[in-house]
Amino acid sequence: MVAMVKKRMESLMEKIMTNAKDVNEKDAKKLVKEITNTKRIFVTGAGRSGYVVRAFAMRLMHLGSRVYVVGETTTPSIRKNDLLVAVSGSGETASTVQIASAAKKKGARVTVITSKPQSSIGKSADVIVKIKGRLDGRKKRDYLVRQMLGTHEPMVPLGTLFELTTMLFLDTLVEELMVLHKKTEKEMKERHTNLE
């Protein structure tokens, strides 16, 4: 049993690595530039994508950014030249699409992280970072047929590959921002909550 779990973990990590290699470096640099050139950052995502983007918001706060999670009671109104970072694997999550559209109408810059750049959310984006998710269009869904053909996909549900790869991408972005702005882990730790 444990050997099977370990094997599944290794398989999942291989797929995440494949997805990570497909991230466009120019798009990643555009996102870094957007974050660097704005005074206020808003983040949004639904479900597990929401948890991923909240973790990113926490790290941005540790870096000294003014960052807000859309939907929290203390989140102010978005204004012209603010930045919204929206995460949606499908690009069709209704609440996230509506928030991105509303931000754009208010004159904010919109960055989208999605597996589907041509989706509804992509229409609001100034910058799109594509992160692959689960494989699309599998014609052979039968497990035995896939084994015989040698086509394997990690057995993870729903958008897990997108969410894990996005988490890795955003944490890497934080590291890039640390280097760029000469921030130390000690400085970041000083901003971490002390009420826990």
N, C-alpha and C. Protein backbone atom coordinates (compact mmCIF):
# COMPACT_ATOMS: atom_id res chain seq x y z
N MET A 1 0.83 -1.21 0.00
CA MET A 1 0.00 0.00 0.00
C MET A 1 0.87 1.26 0.00
N VAL A 2 1.85 1.35 0.93
CA VAL A 2 2.70 2.53 1.01
C VAL A 2 3.50 2.70 -0.26
N ALA A 3 4.00 1.60 -0.82
CA ALA A 3 4.77 1.67 -2.07
C ALA A 3 3.91 2.24 -3.19
N MET A 4 2.62 1.90 -3.22
CA MET A 4 1.71 2.40 -4.24
C MET A 4 1.50 3.90 -4.06
N VAL A 5 1.37 4.35 -2.81
CA VAL A 5 1.20 5.79 -2.55
C VAL A 5 2.43 6.55 -3.01
N LYS A 6 3.61 6.02 -2.67
CA LYS A 6 4.85 6.67 -3.07
C LYS A 6 4.97 6.73 -4.59
N LYS A 7 4.59 5.64 -5.25
CA LYS A 7 4.65 5.60 -6.71
C LYS A 7 3.70 6.64 -7.32
N ARG A 8 2.53 6.77 -6.73
CA ARG A 8 1.55 7.76 -7.21
C ARG A 8 2.10 9.18 -7.00
N MET A 9 2.75 9.41 -5.86
CA MET A 9 3.34 10.72 -5.59
C MET A 9 4.41 11.04 -6.63
N GLU A 10 5.25 10.08 -6.93
CA GLU A 10 6.31 10.29 -7.92
C GLU A 10 5.72 10.59 -9.30
N SER A 11 4.65 9.85 -9.64
CA SER A 11 3.98 10.07 -10.93
C SER A 11 3.38 11.47 -11.00
N LEU A 12 2.76 11.89 -9.90
CA LEU A 12 2.16 13.23 -9.83
C LEU A 12 3.24 14.31 -9.95
N MET A 13 4.36 14.13 -9.26
CA MET A 13 5.45 15.11 -9.32
C MET A 13 6.02 15.21 -10.74
N GLU A 14 6.09 14.10 -11.44
CA GLU A 14 6.57 14.12 -12.83
C GLU A 14 5.64 14.96 -13.71
N LYS A 15 4.33 14.79 -13.50
CA LYS A 15 3.37 15.55 -14.30
C LYS A 15 3.44 17.04 -13.96
N ILE A 16 3.59 17.36 -12.69
CA ILE A 16 3.73 18.77 -12.28
C ILE A 16 4.98 19.36 -12.92
N MET A 17 6.06 18.58 -12.94
CA MET A 17 7.31 19.05 -13.55
C MET A 17 7.12 19.31 -15.03
N THR A 18 6.40 18.43 -15.71
CA THR A 18 6.10 18.62 -17.14
C THR A 18 5.31 19.90 -17.34
N ASN A 19 4.30 20.12 -16.51
CA ASN A 19 3.49 21.34 -16.61
C ASN A 19 4.32 22.58 -16.32
N ALA A 20 5.22 22.49 -15.33
CA ALA A 20 6.06 23.62 -14.97
C ALA A 20 6.97 24.02 -16.13
N LYS A 21 7.48 23.04 -16.85
CA LYS A 21 8.37 23.32 -17.98
C LYS A 21 7.65 24.03 -19.11
N ASP A 22 6.32 23.88 -19.16
CA ASP A 22 5.53 24.51 -20.23
C ASP A 22 5.14 25.95 -19.93
N VAL A 23 5.42 26.45 -18.73
CA VAL A 23 5.08 27.83 -18.40
C VAL A 23 5.95 28.77 -19.23
N ASN A 24 5.31 29.75 -19.85
CA ASN A 24 6.01 30.70 -20.70
C ASN A 24 6.75 31.73 -19.83
N GLU A 25 8.07 31.76 -19.96
CA GLU A 25 8.91 32.65 -19.14
C GLU A 25 8.57 34.12 -19.35
N LYS A 26 8.26 34.50 -20.60
CA LYS A 26 7.92 35.90 -20.89
C LYS A 26 6.65 36.31 -20.15
N ASP A 27 5.66 35.42 -20.13
CA ASP A 27 4.41 35.72 -19.42
C ASP A 27 4.66 35.83 -17.91
N ALA A 28 5.51 34.96 -17.39
CA ALA A 28 5.85 35.02 -15.96
C ALA A 28 6.52 36.35 -15.63
N LYS A 29 7.42 36.80 -16.50
CA LYS A 29 8.10 38.08 -16.28
C LYS A 29 7.13 39.25 -16.36
N LYS A 30 6.12 39.14 -17.24
CA LYS A 30 5.09 40.18 -17.32
C LYS A 30 4.33 40.28 -16.00
N LEU A 31 4.03 39.13 -15.41
CA LEU A 31 3.31 39.13 -14.14
C LEU A 31 4.18 39.75 -13.03
N VAL A 32 5.46 39.41 -13.01
CA VAL A 32 6.38 40.01 -12.03
C VAL A 32 6.39 41.54 -12.20
N LYS A 33 6.43 41.99 -13.44
CA LYS A 33 6.43 43.43 -13.72
C LYS A 33 5.14 44.09 -13.25
N GLU A 34 4.01 43.44 -13.50
CA GLU A 34 2.71 43.97 -13.05
C GLU A 34 2.70 44.12 -11.53
N ILE A 35 3.17 43.10 -10.83
CA ILE A 35 3.18 43.13 -9.36
C ILE A 35 4.12 44.22 -8.86
N THR A 36 5.26 44.35 -9.50
CA THR A 36 6.26 45.34 -9.09
C THR A 36 5.79 46.77 -9.33
N ASN A 37 5.01 46.96 -10.39
CA ASN A 37 4.61 48.32 -10.78
C ASN A 37 3.26 48.77 -10.25
N THR A 38 2.70 48.05 -9.31
CA THR A 38 1.40 48.46 -8.76
C THR A 38 1.51 48.68 -7.26
N LYS A 39 0.66 49.55 -6.75
CA LYS A 39 0.67 49.85 -5.32
C LYS A 39 -0.28 48.94 -4.55
N ARG A 40 -1.37 48.51 -5.23
CA ARG A 40 -2.35 47.66 -4.54
C ARG A 40 -2.67 46.45 -5.41
N ILE A 41 -2.67 45.28 -4.78
CA ILE A 41 -2.91 44.02 -5.48
C ILE A 41 -4.14 43.35 -4.86
N PHE A 42 -5.04 42.90 -5.72
CA PHE A 42 -6.22 42.16 -5.31
C PHE A 42 -6.09 40.76 -5.90
N VAL A 43 -6.50 39.74 -5.15
CA VAL A 43 -6.44 38.37 -5.66
C VAL A 43 -7.80 37.71 -5.54
N THR A 44 -8.09 36.81 -6.50
CA THR A 44 -9.37 36.10 -6.46
C THR A 44 -9.25 34.73 -7.12
N GLY A 45 -10.06 33.83 -6.64
CA GLY A 45 -10.17 32.48 -7.17
C GLY A 45 -11.23 31.76 -6.36
N ALA A 46 -11.84 30.74 -6.94
CA ALA A 46 -12.90 30.01 -6.24
C ALA A 46 -12.40 28.61 -5.87
N GLY A 47 -12.97 28.05 -4.82
CA GLY A 47 -12.63 26.69 -4.43
C GLY A 47 -11.16 26.54 -4.08
N ARG A 48 -10.54 25.46 -4.58
CA ARG A 48 -9.13 25.21 -4.30
C ARG A 48 -8.23 26.26 -4.94
N SER A 49 -8.64 26.79 -6.08
CA SER A 49 -7.87 27.90 -6.68
C SER A 49 -7.86 29.10 -5.75
N GLY A 50 -8.96 29.28 -5.01
CA GLY A 50 -9.04 30.35 -4.02
C GLY A 50 -8.03 30.15 -2.89
N TYR A 51 -7.86 28.91 -2.45
CA TYR A 51 -6.87 28.63 -1.40
C TYR A 51 -5.46 28.92 -1.89
N VAL A 52 -5.20 28.54 -3.13
CA VAL A 52 -3.87 28.77 -3.72
C VAL A 52 -3.58 30.27 -3.78
N VAL A 53 -4.55 31.05 -4.25
CA VAL A 53 -4.33 32.49 -4.40
C VAL A 53 -4.26 33.19 -3.05
N ARG A 54 -4.92 32.65 -2.04
CA ARG A 54 -4.81 33.21 -0.68
C ARG A 54 -3.40 33.00 -0.13
N ALA A 55 -2.84 31.82 -0.39
CA ALA A 55 -1.46 31.55 0.04
C ALA A 55 -0.50 32.54 -0.63
N PHE A 56 -0.77 32.84 -1.90
CA PHE A 56 0.05 33.82 -2.63
C PHE A 56 -0.10 35.21 -2.00
N ALA A 57 -1.33 35.58 -1.66
CA ALA A 57 -1.57 36.88 -1.02
C ALA A 57 -0.79 37.00 0.28
N MET A 58 -0.76 35.92 1.05
CA MET A 58 -0.02 35.94 2.31
C MET A 58 1.46 36.21 2.07
N ARG A 59 2.03 35.56 1.06
CA ARG A 59 3.45 35.78 0.76
C ARG A 59 3.70 37.20 0.23
N LEU A 60 2.78 37.73 -0.56
CA LEU A 60 2.93 39.11 -1.02
C LEU A 60 2.91 40.07 0.16
N MET A 61 2.05 39.80 1.13
CA MET A 61 2.00 40.61 2.35
C MET A 61 3.34 40.51 3.08
N HIS A 62 3.91 39.31 3.15
CA HIS A 62 5.21 39.13 3.80
C HIS A 62 6.30 39.94 3.09
N LEU A 63 6.14 40.11 1.78
CA LEU A 63 7.10 40.91 1.01
C LEU A 63 6.90 42.42 1.19
N GLY A 64 5.78 42.80 1.81
CA GLY A 64 5.51 44.21 2.05
C GLY A 64 4.51 44.82 1.09
N SER A 65 3.88 44.00 0.25
CA SER A 65 2.88 44.51 -0.69
C SER A 65 1.57 44.81 0.03
N ARG A 66 0.82 45.76 -0.52
CA ARG A 66 -0.56 46.00 -0.06
C ARG A 66 -1.42 45.05 -0.88
N VAL A 67 -1.92 44.02 -0.25
CA VAL A 67 -2.65 42.97 -0.97
C VAL A 67 -3.96 42.65 -0.26
N TYR A 68 -4.99 42.40 -1.09
CA TYR A 68 -6.33 42.13 -0.56
C TYR A 68 -6.92 40.91 -1.24
N VAL A 69 -7.65 40.12 -0.47
CA VAL A 69 -8.37 38.97 -1.00
C VAL A 69 -9.81 39.40 -1.28
N VAL A 70 -10.23 39.30 -2.54
CA VAL A 70 -11.59 39.70 -2.91
C VAL A 70 -12.60 38.86 -2.12
N GLY A 71 -13.57 39.55 -1.54
CA GLY A 71 -14.62 38.86 -0.79
C GLY A 71 -14.47 38.99 0.72
N GLU A 72 -13.28 39.38 1.18
CA GLU A 72 -13.09 39.59 2.62
C GLU A 72 -13.75 40.91 3.03
N THR A 73 -14.18 40.99 4.25
CA THR A 73 -14.91 42.19 4.70
C THR A 73 -14.03 43.43 4.74
N THR A 74 -12.72 43.27 4.82
CA THR A 74 -11.82 44.42 4.89
C THR A 74 -11.24 44.81 3.54
N THR A 75 -11.71 44.17 2.46
CA THR A 75 -11.20 44.48 1.12
C THR A 75 -11.83 45.77 0.60
N PRO A 76 -11.00 46.77 0.26
CA PRO A 76 -11.55 48.04 -0.24
C PRO A 76 -12.00 47.92 -1.70
N SER A 77 -12.56 48.99 -2.22
CA SER A 77 -12.95 49.01 -3.63
C SER A 77 -11.70 49.06 -4.50
N ILE A 78 -11.80 48.41 -5.64
CA ILE A 78 -10.68 48.40 -6.59
C ILE A 78 -10.75 49.68 -7.42
N ARG A 79 -9.56 50.20 -7.78
CA ARG A 79 -9.51 51.46 -8.52
C ARG A 79 -8.63 51.33 -9.76
N LYS A 80 -8.64 52.38 -10.53
CA LYS A 80 -7.80 52.45 -11.72
C LYS A 80 -6.34 52.21 -11.33
N ASN A 81 -5.66 51.42 -12.14
CA ASN A 81 -4.24 51.09 -11.97
C ASN A 81 -3.94 50.11 -10.84
N ASP A 82 -4.96 49.65 -10.10
CA ASP A 82 -4.75 48.54 -9.18
C ASP A 82 -4.55 47.28 -10.02
N LEU A 83 -4.11 46.20 -9.39
CA LEU A 83 -3.90 44.94 -10.10
C LEU A 83 -4.77 43.85 -9.49
N LEU A 84 -5.47 43.12 -10.36
CA LEU A 84 -6.21 41.93 -9.94
C LEU A 84 -5.49 40.71 -10.49
N VAL A 85 -5.18 39.76 -9.61
CA VAL A 85 -4.64 38.47 -10.03
C VAL A 85 -5.76 37.46 -9.84
N ALA A 86 -6.26 36.90 -10.95
CA ALA A 86 -7.38 35.96 -10.92
C ALA A 86 -6.90 34.57 -11.33
N VAL A 87 -7.29 33.56 -10.57
CA VAL A 87 -6.89 32.18 -10.85
C VAL A 87 -8.12 31.34 -11.13
N SER A 88 -8.16 30.71 -12.31
CA SER A 88 -9.25 29.81 -12.68
C SER A 88 -8.75 28.82 -13.71
N GLY A 89 -8.67 27.55 -13.34
CA GLY A 89 -8.19 26.53 -14.27
C GLY A 89 -9.00 26.48 -15.54
N SER A 90 -10.32 26.43 -15.39
CA SER A 90 -11.21 26.33 -16.55
C SER A 90 -11.35 27.66 -17.28
N GLY A 91 -11.14 28.76 -16.55
CA GLY A 91 -11.36 30.08 -17.13
C GLY A 91 -12.83 30.41 -17.27
N GLU A 92 -13.69 29.57 -16.72
CA GLU A 92 -15.14 29.76 -16.85
C GLU A 92 -15.85 29.82 -15.50
N THR A 93 -15.12 29.83 -14.41
CA THR A 93 -15.75 29.91 -13.08
C THR A 93 -16.49 31.24 -12.99
N ALA A 94 -17.81 31.17 -12.89
CA ALA A 94 -18.67 32.35 -13.02
C ALA A 94 -18.26 33.50 -12.11
N SER A 95 -18.04 33.23 -10.82
CA SER A 95 -17.71 34.32 -9.89
C SER A 95 -16.37 34.97 -10.25
N THR A 96 -15.39 34.17 -10.62
CA THR A 96 -14.06 34.70 -10.95
C THR A 96 -14.11 35.51 -12.25
N VAL A 97 -14.88 35.02 -13.23
CA VAL A 97 -15.04 35.74 -14.50
C VAL A 97 -15.70 37.09 -14.25
N GLN A 98 -16.74 37.11 -13.41
CA GLN A 98 -17.46 38.36 -13.11
C GLN A 98 -16.56 39.35 -12.38
N ILE A 99 -15.76 38.87 -11.45
CA ILE A 99 -14.85 39.75 -10.70
C ILE A 99 -13.81 40.35 -11.64
N ALA A 100 -13.25 39.53 -12.52
CA ALA A 100 -12.24 40.03 -13.48
C ALA A 100 -12.85 41.08 -14.39
N SER A 101 -14.06 40.84 -14.86
CA SER A 101 -14.74 41.78 -15.73
C SER A 101 -15.03 43.10 -15.01
N ALA A 102 -15.49 43.01 -13.77
CA ALA A 102 -15.78 44.21 -12.97
C ALA A 102 -14.50 45.01 -12.71
N ALA A 103 -13.42 44.33 -12.41
CA ALA A 103 -12.13 45.01 -12.17
C ALA A 103 -11.68 45.76 -13.41
N LYS A 104 -11.85 45.13 -14.56
CA LYS A 104 -11.45 45.75 -15.82
C LYS A 104 -12.27 47.02 -16.07
N LYS A 105 -13.57 46.96 -15.80
CA LYS A 105 -14.44 48.12 -15.99
C LYS A 105 -14.06 49.28 -15.08
N LYS A 106 -13.45 48.97 -13.93
CA LYS A 106 -13.02 50.01 -12.99
C LYS A 106 -11.63 50.55 -13.34
N GLY A 107 -11.03 50.04 -14.41
CA GLY A 107 -9.74 50.54 -14.85
C GLY A 107 -8.54 49.83 -14.23
N ALA A 108 -8.79 48.72 -13.55
CA ALA A 108 -7.69 47.95 -12.96
C ALA A 108 -7.01 47.11 -14.03
N ARG A 109 -5.77 46.76 -13.77
CA ARG A 109 -5.05 45.81 -14.62
C ARG A 109 -5.46 44.41 -14.17
N VAL A 110 -5.61 43.50 -15.11
CA VAL A 110 -6.07 42.16 -14.78
C VAL A 110 -5.07 41.13 -15.30
N THR A 111 -4.58 40.30 -14.38
CA THR A 111 -3.72 39.17 -14.74
C THR A 111 -4.48 37.90 -14.43
N VAL A 112 -4.45 36.98 -15.37
CA VAL A 112 -5.18 35.73 -15.23
C VAL A 112 -4.22 34.55 -15.30
N ILE A 113 -4.39 33.62 -14.39
CA ILE A 113 -3.66 32.35 -14.43
C ILE A 113 -4.70 31.28 -14.70
N THR A 114 -4.55 30.58 -15.83
CA THR A 114 -5.56 29.63 -16.28
C THR A 114 -4.95 28.57 -17.20
N SER A 115 -5.68 27.49 -17.37
CA SER A 115 -5.28 26.47 -18.36
C SER A 115 -5.87 26.79 -19.73
N LYS A 116 -6.85 27.71 -19.75
CA LYS A 116 -7.60 28.00 -20.97
C LYS A 116 -7.55 29.50 -21.31
N PRO A 117 -6.48 29.95 -21.97
CA PRO A 117 -6.35 31.38 -22.29
C PRO A 117 -7.49 31.93 -23.15
N GLN A 118 -8.13 31.08 -23.96
CA GLN A 118 -9.21 31.55 -24.83
C GLN A 118 -10.57 31.54 -24.14
N SER A 119 -10.59 31.26 -22.85
CA SER A 119 -11.84 31.17 -22.10
C SER A 119 -12.42 32.56 -21.81
N SER A 120 -13.57 32.58 -21.16
CA SER A 120 -14.24 33.84 -20.82
C SER A 120 -13.36 34.76 -20.00
N ILE A 121 -12.62 34.21 -19.03
CA ILE A 121 -11.79 35.06 -18.17
C ILE A 121 -10.64 35.68 -18.95
N GLY A 122 -10.18 35.01 -19.98
CA GLY A 122 -9.09 35.54 -20.81
C GLY A 122 -9.45 36.84 -21.50
N LYS A 123 -10.75 37.06 -21.73
CA LYS A 123 -11.20 38.28 -22.41
C LYS A 123 -10.96 39.54 -21.58
N SER A 124 -10.85 39.39 -20.26
CA SER A 124 -10.62 40.54 -19.39
C SER A 124 -9.14 40.77 -19.10
N ALA A 125 -8.28 39.88 -19.56
CA ALA A 125 -6.89 39.89 -19.12
C ALA A 125 -5.98 40.83 -19.89
N ASP A 126 -5.11 41.50 -19.15
CA ASP A 126 -4.00 42.25 -19.74
C ASP A 126 -2.80 41.32 -19.89
N VAL A 127 -2.67 40.39 -18.95
CA VAL A 127 -1.60 39.39 -18.98
C VAL A 127 -2.22 38.04 -18.65
N ILE A 128 -1.86 37.03 -19.43
CA ILE A 128 -2.33 35.67 -19.17
C ILE A 128 -1.12 34.77 -18.97
N VAL A 129 -1.13 34.01 -17.88
CA VAL A 129 -0.13 32.98 -17.67
C VAL A 129 -0.86 31.64 -17.79
N LYS A 130 -0.44 30.85 -18.77
CA LYS A 130 -1.08 29.55 -18.98
C LYS A 130 -0.35 28.49 -18.17
N ILE A 131 -1.14 27.79 -17.37
CA ILE A 131 -0.62 26.66 -16.62
C ILE A 131 -1.50 25.46 -16.94
N LYS A 132 -0.89 24.45 -17.51
CA LYS A 132 -1.66 23.28 -17.91
C LYS A 132 -2.29 22.60 -16.70
N GLY A 133 -3.44 22.03 -16.96
CA GLY A 133 -4.13 21.27 -15.92
C GLY A 133 -4.24 19.83 -16.35
N ARG A 134 -5.35 19.24 -16.04
CA ARG A 134 -5.59 17.83 -16.39
C ARG A 134 -5.62 17.68 -17.91
N LEU A 135 -5.19 16.53 -18.38
CA LEU A 135 -5.18 16.26 -19.82
C LEU A 135 -6.58 16.35 -20.39
N ASP A 136 -6.71 16.97 -21.56
CA ASP A 136 -8.01 17.11 -22.22
C ASP A 136 -8.21 16.05 -23.27
N GLY A 137 -9.46 15.79 -23.56
CA GLY A 137 -9.80 14.98 -24.71
C GLY A 137 -9.28 13.56 -24.69
N ARG A 138 -9.25 12.93 -23.53
CA ARG A 138 -8.80 11.54 -23.50
C ARG A 138 -9.82 10.67 -24.21
N LYS A 139 -9.41 10.01 -25.25
CA LYS A 139 -10.33 9.16 -26.00
C LYS A 139 -10.44 7.79 -25.34
N LYS A 140 -9.35 7.33 -24.73
CA LYS A 140 -9.33 6.02 -24.09
C LYS A 140 -9.38 6.21 -22.58
N ARG A 141 -10.58 6.13 -22.03
CA ARG A 141 -10.73 6.33 -20.61
C ARG A 141 -10.51 5.05 -19.81
N ASP A 142 -10.63 3.91 -20.45
CA ASP A 142 -10.50 2.64 -19.77
C ASP A 142 -9.07 2.45 -19.25
N TYR A 143 -8.95 2.12 -17.97
CA TYR A 143 -7.65 1.98 -17.33
C TYR A 143 -6.78 0.94 -18.03
N LEU A 144 -7.34 -0.26 -18.31
CA LEU A 144 -6.55 -1.33 -18.93
C LEU A 144 -6.07 -0.96 -20.33
N VAL A 145 -6.92 -0.29 -21.10
CA VAL A 145 -6.52 0.14 -22.45
C VAL A 145 -5.37 1.13 -22.35
N ARG A 146 -5.46 2.07 -21.41
CA ARG A 146 -4.37 3.04 -21.24
C ARG A 146 -3.08 2.36 -20.81
N GLN A 147 -3.19 1.33 -19.96
CA GLN A 147 -1.99 0.61 -19.53
C GLN A 147 -1.34 -0.11 -20.72
N MET A 148 -2.16 -0.74 -21.55
CA MET A 148 -1.64 -1.48 -22.70
C MET A 148 -1.01 -0.53 -23.72
N LEU A 149 -1.58 0.65 -23.87
CA LEU A 149 -1.05 1.63 -24.82
C LEU A 149 0.12 2.43 -24.24
N GLY A 150 0.31 2.32 -22.93
CA GLY A 150 1.40 3.06 -22.30
C GLY A 150 1.08 4.53 -22.09
N THR A 151 -0.20 4.88 -22.11
CA THR A 151 -0.59 6.27 -21.85
C THR A 151 -1.08 6.36 -20.41
N HIS A 152 -0.31 7.04 -19.59
CA HIS A 152 -0.63 7.14 -18.17
C HIS A 152 -0.94 8.57 -17.80
N GLU A 153 -1.86 8.72 -16.91
CA GLU A 153 -2.18 10.03 -16.35
C GLU A 153 -2.29 9.86 -14.85
N PRO A 154 -1.68 10.73 -14.06
CA PRO A 154 -1.83 10.60 -12.62
C PRO A 154 -3.31 10.56 -12.25
N MET A 155 -3.65 9.69 -11.34
CA MET A 155 -5.05 9.51 -10.96
C MET A 155 -5.43 10.54 -9.91
N VAL A 156 -5.44 11.80 -10.30
CA VAL A 156 -5.82 12.86 -9.39
C VAL A 156 -7.12 13.48 -9.87
N PRO A 157 -7.98 13.84 -8.94
CA PRO A 157 -9.30 14.34 -9.34
C PRO A 157 -9.31 15.80 -9.78
N LEU A 158 -10.24 16.08 -10.65
CA LEU A 158 -10.61 17.43 -11.05
C LEU A 158 -9.42 18.29 -11.41
N GLY A 159 -9.27 19.46 -10.80
CA GLY A 159 -8.21 20.39 -11.21
C GLY A 159 -6.93 20.31 -10.41
N THR A 160 -6.69 19.19 -9.73
CA THR A 160 -5.55 19.08 -8.84
C THR A 160 -4.23 19.44 -9.51
N LEU A 161 -3.98 18.97 -10.71
CA LEU A 161 -2.72 19.27 -11.39
C LEU A 161 -2.56 20.77 -11.62
N PHE A 162 -3.63 21.42 -12.01
CA PHE A 162 -3.58 22.87 -12.21
C PHE A 162 -3.27 23.57 -10.89
N GLU A 163 -3.98 23.19 -9.85
CA GLU A 163 -3.82 23.87 -8.56
C GLU A 163 -2.42 23.68 -7.98
N LEU A 164 -1.91 22.46 -8.04
CA LEU A 164 -0.57 22.20 -7.50
C LEU A 164 0.51 22.90 -8.32
N THR A 165 0.36 22.89 -9.64
CA THR A 165 1.34 23.57 -10.49
C THR A 165 1.27 25.07 -10.28
N THR A 166 0.06 25.61 -10.12
CA THR A 166 -0.11 27.04 -9.87
C THR A 166 0.52 27.44 -8.54
N MET A 167 0.34 26.61 -7.53
CA MET A 167 0.95 26.88 -6.22
C MET A 167 2.46 26.93 -6.36
N LEU A 168 3.03 25.98 -7.06
CA LEU A 168 4.47 25.96 -7.29
C LEU A 168 4.92 27.20 -8.06
N PHE A 169 4.17 27.55 -9.10
CA PHE A 169 4.48 28.74 -9.90
C PHE A 169 4.46 30.01 -9.05
N LEU A 170 3.42 30.19 -8.26
CA LEU A 170 3.29 31.41 -7.46
C LEU A 170 4.35 31.49 -6.36
N ASP A 171 4.69 30.36 -5.76
CA ASP A 171 5.77 30.36 -4.76
C ASP A 171 7.11 30.70 -5.41
N THR A 172 7.31 30.23 -6.63
CA THR A 172 8.53 30.56 -7.37
C THR A 172 8.55 32.06 -7.70
N LEU A 173 7.39 32.60 -8.03
CA LEU A 173 7.27 34.03 -8.30
C LEU A 173 7.66 34.85 -7.07
N VAL A 174 7.25 34.38 -5.89
CA VAL A 174 7.61 35.06 -4.64
C VAL A 174 9.13 35.06 -4.47
N GLU A 175 9.76 33.94 -4.77
CA GLU A 175 11.22 33.87 -4.68
C GLU A 175 11.87 34.87 -5.64
N GLU A 176 11.33 34.97 -6.86
CA GLU A 176 11.83 35.93 -7.85
C GLU A 176 11.68 37.36 -7.34
N LEU A 177 10.54 37.66 -6.72
CA LEU A 177 10.30 38.99 -6.17
C LEU A 177 11.24 39.29 -4.99
N MET A 178 11.53 38.26 -4.19
CA MET A 178 12.49 38.43 -3.09
C MET A 178 13.85 38.87 -3.61
N VAL A 179 14.30 38.18 -4.65
CA VAL A 179 15.61 38.49 -5.24
C VAL A 179 15.58 39.89 -5.86
N LEU A 180 14.53 40.16 -6.63
CA LEU A 180 14.41 41.43 -7.34
C LEU A 180 14.40 42.62 -6.39
N HIS A 181 13.72 42.48 -5.27
CA HIS A 181 13.57 43.59 -4.32
C HIS A 181 14.49 43.46 -3.10
N LYS A 182 15.42 42.50 -3.20
CA LYS A 182 16.41 42.30 -2.14
C LYS A 182 15.75 42.12 -0.76
N LYS A 183 14.73 41.28 -0.71
CA LYS A 183 14.04 40.99 0.55
C LYS A 183 14.62 39.71 1.15
N THR A 184 14.75 39.67 2.45
CA THR A 184 15.26 38.48 3.12
C THR A 184 14.12 37.73 3.80
N GLU A 185 14.37 36.47 4.09
CA GLU A 185 13.37 35.68 4.81
C GLU A 185 13.14 36.26 6.20
N LYS A 186 14.20 36.82 6.79
CA LYS A 186 14.07 37.46 8.12
C LYS A 186 13.08 38.63 8.07
N GLU A 187 13.19 39.46 7.02
CA GLU A 187 12.25 40.59 6.86
C GLU A 187 10.82 40.08 6.70
N MET A 188 10.67 39.03 5.92
CA MET A 188 9.34 38.47 5.69
C MET A 188 8.76 37.91 6.98
N LYS A 189 9.60 37.24 7.75
CA LYS A 189 9.13 36.64 9.01
C LYS A 189 8.64 37.71 9.97
N GLU A 190 9.27 38.89 9.95
CA GLU A 190 8.86 39.99 10.83
C GLU A 190 7.44 40.48 10.51
N ARG A 191 7.00 40.26 9.27
CA ARG A 191 5.64 40.67 8.87
C ARG A 191 4.62 39.56 9.11
N HIS A 192 5.09 38.37 9.43
CA HIS A 192 4.15 37.25 9.65
C HIS A 192 3.32 37.50 10.90
N THR A 193 2.10 37.03 10.89
CA THR A 193 1.21 37.27 12.02
C THR A 193 1.83 36.82 13.33
N ASN A 194 1.59 37.58 14.39
CA ASN A 194 2.08 37.21 15.72
C ASN A 194 0.92 37.00 16.68
N LEU A 195 -0.26 36.77 16.11
CA LEU A 195 -1.45 36.56 16.93
C LEU A 195 -1.85 35.09 17.01
N GLU A 196 -1.03 34.22 16.48
CA GLU A 196 -1.36 32.78 16.50
C GLU A 196 -0.83 32.12 17.75
